């Protein structure tokens, strides 16, 4: 059984990140990092609330390179006329 699973008293699976209390992480940091490198990230909690995550450097690099939603939209292969014209009329009338 992995250190993470034994600390949280639950079976670890890729679909569910292991949760570890901060005090347990401090005591077992080397093991937590080793498991993160092997692809088993952990969520560190403080007073039962998620505060941080430990994941392998390769996974962090992959996530850091992911494009933003805006970048994806700007790179869309659109031609003139692909999108409808913007309606600039007010949605509703109001008085101050």
Protein backbone atom coordinates (compact mmCIF):
# COMPACT_ATOMS: atom_id res chain seq x y z
CA UNK A 1 0.00 0.00 0.00
CA UNK A 2 1.32 3.47 -0.84
CA UNK A 3 2.20 6.02 1.82
CA UNK A 4 -0.60 8.27 0.58
CA UNK A 5 -3.18 5.52 0.87
CA UNK A 6 -2.01 4.53 4.32
CA UNK A 7 -2.10 8.15 5.50
CA UNK A 8 -5.64 8.68 4.28
CA UNK A 9 -6.94 5.19 5.09
CA UNK A 10 -8.43 4.89 1.60
CA UNK A 11 -7.53 3.12 -1.63
CA UNK A 12 -5.77 5.39 -4.10
CA UNK A 13 -7.02 5.56 -7.66
CA UNK A 14 -6.14 7.88 -10.53
CA UNK A 15 -9.73 9.14 -10.69
CA UNK A 16 -9.59 10.27 -7.06
CA UNK A 17 -6.63 12.24 -5.75
CA UNK A 18 -5.43 11.23 -2.31
CA UNK A 19 -5.95 13.79 0.44
CA UNK A 20 -3.27 14.21 3.10
CA UNK A 21 -3.28 16.43 6.16
CA UNK A 22 -0.52 19.04 6.22
CA UNK A 23 1.05 17.61 9.38
CA UNK A 24 1.28 14.16 7.76
CA UNK A 25 2.76 15.67 4.60
CA UNK A 26 5.51 17.32 6.62
CA UNK A 27 6.41 14.04 8.27
CA UNK A 28 6.41 12.08 4.98
CA UNK A 29 7.35 14.66 2.33
CA UNK A 30 9.92 12.47 0.61
CA UNK A 31 7.40 9.66 0.10
CA UNK A 32 4.69 12.08 -1.07
CA UNK A 33 7.08 13.55 -3.66
CA UNK A 34 8.19 10.07 -4.81
CA UNK A 35 4.57 9.08 -5.39
CA UNK A 36 3.85 12.32 -7.25
CA UNK A 37 6.78 11.59 -9.57
CA UNK A 38 5.24 8.16 -10.24
CA UNK A 39 1.98 9.84 -11.31
CA UNK A 40 0.09 9.74 -8.00
CA UNK A 41 -0.66 13.38 -7.08
CA UNK A 42 -1.88 14.34 -3.62
CA UNK A 43 -4.04 17.12 -2.25
CA UNK A 44 -2.78 18.66 0.97
CA UNK A 45 -5.47 19.73 3.41
CA UNK A 46 -5.40 22.06 6.38
CA UNK A 47 -8.25 21.74 8.87
CA UNK A 48 -10.07 19.54 6.34
CA UNK A 49 -9.95 22.09 3.50
CA UNK A 50 -7.87 21.56 0.33
CA UNK A 51 -4.96 24.03 0.34
CA UNK A 52 -2.34 22.74 -2.12
CA UNK A 53 -1.47 19.92 -4.49
CA UNK A 54 1.68 17.90 -5.02
CA UNK A 55 2.21 16.58 -8.51
CA UNK A 56 5.17 15.49 -10.56
CA UNK A 57 7.18 18.10 -12.46
CA UNK A 58 6.37 16.56 -15.86
CA UNK A 59 2.64 16.82 -15.11
CA UNK A 60 3.07 20.43 -13.95
CA UNK A 61 4.92 21.27 -17.19
CA UNK A 62 2.16 19.66 -19.25
CA UNK A 63 -0.51 21.66 -17.46
CA UNK A 64 1.49 24.90 -17.69
CA UNK A 65 1.69 24.54 -21.49
CA UNK A 66 -2.06 24.05 -21.92
CA UNK A 67 -3.55 26.92 -23.93
CA UNK A 68 -6.10 29.23 -22.37
CA UNK A 69 -9.68 29.32 -23.65
CA UNK A 70 -8.96 32.70 -25.24
CA UNK A 71 -5.91 31.32 -27.08
CA UNK A 72 -8.00 28.44 -28.40
CA UNK A 73 -10.68 30.82 -29.65
CA UNK A 74 -8.13 33.10 -31.32
CA UNK A 75 -6.54 30.14 -33.13
CA UNK A 76 -9.86 28.89 -34.55
CA UNK A 77 -9.74 28.68 -38.38
CA UNK A 78 -12.61 31.10 -39.04
CA UNK A 79 -13.32 32.85 -42.31
CA UNK A 80 -15.15 36.12 -42.86
CA UNK A 81 -18.86 35.38 -42.58
CA UNK A 82 -18.46 32.29 -40.37
CA UNK A 83 -19.92 34.13 -37.40
CA UNK A 84 -23.20 36.10 -37.33
CA UNK A 85 -22.98 39.90 -37.10
CA UNK A 86 -23.10 41.28 -33.59
CA UNK A 87 -26.41 42.83 -32.56
CA UNK A 88 -25.47 46.15 -30.97
CA UNK A 89 -29.01 47.21 -30.02
CA UNK A 90 -29.62 47.58 -26.26
CA UNK A 91 -31.03 44.55 -24.53
CA UNK A 92 -33.50 46.65 -22.59
CA UNK A 93 -34.37 50.29 -22.10
CA UNK A 94 -34.01 51.90 -18.72
CA UNK A 95 -34.15 55.35 -17.14
CA UNK A 96 -32.04 56.70 -14.32
